[in-house]
Protein backbone atom coordinates (compact mmCIF):
# COMPACT_ATOMS: atom_id res chain seq x y z
CA MET A 1 8.44 -10.55 -48.22
CA GLY A 2 10.85 -11.90 -45.44
CA LEU A 3 10.60 -8.03 -44.08
CA LEU A 4 6.42 -7.87 -44.13
CA ARG A 5 6.56 -11.33 -41.89
CA THR A 6 9.20 -9.83 -39.63
CA LEU A 7 7.25 -6.82 -39.35
CA LEU A 8 4.10 -8.73 -38.94
CA ILE A 9 5.93 -10.93 -36.45
CA ILE A 10 6.98 -8.17 -34.45
CA ILE A 11 3.92 -6.67 -34.81
CA ALA A 12 2.17 -9.36 -33.27
CA ILE A 13 4.79 -10.31 -29.96
CA TYR A 14 3.67 -6.90 -28.72
CA TYR A 15 0.54 -6.94 -29.18
CA ALA A 16 0.52 -10.31 -27.46
CA ILE A 17 2.76 -8.62 -24.54
CA LYS A 18 0.25 -5.73 -24.02
CA PHE A 19 -2.56 -8.29 -23.85
CA ILE A 20 -0.86 -10.42 -21.69
CA ALA A 21 0.53 -7.76 -19.50
CA ARG A 22 -3.30 -6.07 -19.52
CA LEU A 23 -4.42 -9.08 -17.95
CA ALA A 24 -1.12 -10.24 -15.02
CA PHE A 25 -0.09 -6.65 -13.97
CA PRO A 26 -3.02 -6.01 -11.68
CA HIS A 27 -2.98 -9.26 -10.14
CA MET A 28 1.18 -9.20 -9.92
CA LEU A 29 0.45 -4.87 -8.68
CA GLN A 30 -2.14 -6.54 -5.69
CA HIS A 31 0.32 -8.87 -4.63
CA PHE A 32 3.05 -6.44 -4.52
CA MET A 33 0.65 -4.28 -2.04
CA GLN A 34 -0.16 -7.11 0.08
CA LYS A 35 3.66 -7.81 0.34
CA MET A 36 4.67 -4.06 1.31
CA GLU A 37 1.39 -3.84 3.41
CA LYS A 38 2.64 -6.93 5.70
CA LYS A 39 6.04 -5.92 5.59
CA MET A 40 4.49 -2.64 7.39
CA GLN A 41 2.85 -4.06 9.74
CA ASP A 42 5.34 -6.48 10.72
CA GLN A 43 7.89 -3.40 11.53
CA GLN A 44 5.41 -1.37 12.98
CA GLY A 45 4.16 -4.11 15.16
CA TYR A 46 0.57 -3.83 14.41
CA SER A 47 -1.52 -6.43 15.01
CA LYS A 48 -5.34 -7.39 12.82
CA ARG A 49 -6.99 -7.23 16.36
CA ASN A 50 -7.45 -3.45 15.66
CA GLU A 51 -8.90 -3.28 12.28
CA THR A 52 -12.11 -2.28 12.16
CA LYS A 53 -15.07 -2.20 9.76
CA ILE A 54 -16.14 0.09 6.91
CA GLY A 55 -18.00 2.80 8.55
CA GLU A 56 -17.22 2.17 12.28
CA THR A 57 -16.05 4.77 14.85
CA VAL A 58 -13.51 3.80 17.63
CA VAL A 59 -13.11 5.97 19.99
CA ASP A 60 -9.55 5.86 22.26
CA LYS A 61 -9.96 7.41 25.78
CA ALA A 62 -7.52 8.89 27.77
CA PRO A 63 -6.28 7.56 30.70
CA LYS A 64 -7.71 8.50 33.98
CA ASN A 65 -6.66 10.74 37.01
CA LYS A 66 -3.08 10.93 35.16
CA LYS A 67 -1.28 13.62 38.04
CA SER A 68 0.49 15.99 36.45
CA ASN A 69 1.96 19.34 38.41
CA ASP A 70 2.22 21.82 35.59
CA SER A 71 2.85 24.71 37.89
CA VAL A 72 6.28 23.45 39.17
CA GLY A 73 7.12 23.45 35.46
CA GLU A 74 10.13 20.66 34.01
CA TYR A 75 13.15 19.51 36.15
CA VAL A 76 16.01 20.22 34.61
CA ASP A 77 19.45 18.17 35.75
CA TYR A 78 23.12 20.45 35.53
CA GLU A 79 26.11 20.53 36.94
CA GLU A 80 28.69 23.47 37.34
CA VAL A 81 31.52 23.86 35.20
CA ASP A 82 34.76 25.82 36.65
CA GLU A 83 36.66 27.40 34.23
């Protein structure tokens, strides 16, 4: 009789943990994801003012009149080495 009682207690504890985990896990996961998102935003210097609503289109424009002289090429500074 003691063995049957022990098995029933183990099964009851198993199902109780399973039920509690099913309720608590989504909340714990959501909290963890928000914490990681905030940490990533802090690392990259992200600000809330750049957030957009779902479906909103944002177009970043290039700076005006950026002067470049591509025909000259790239300048490389070097020193001659005597051997």
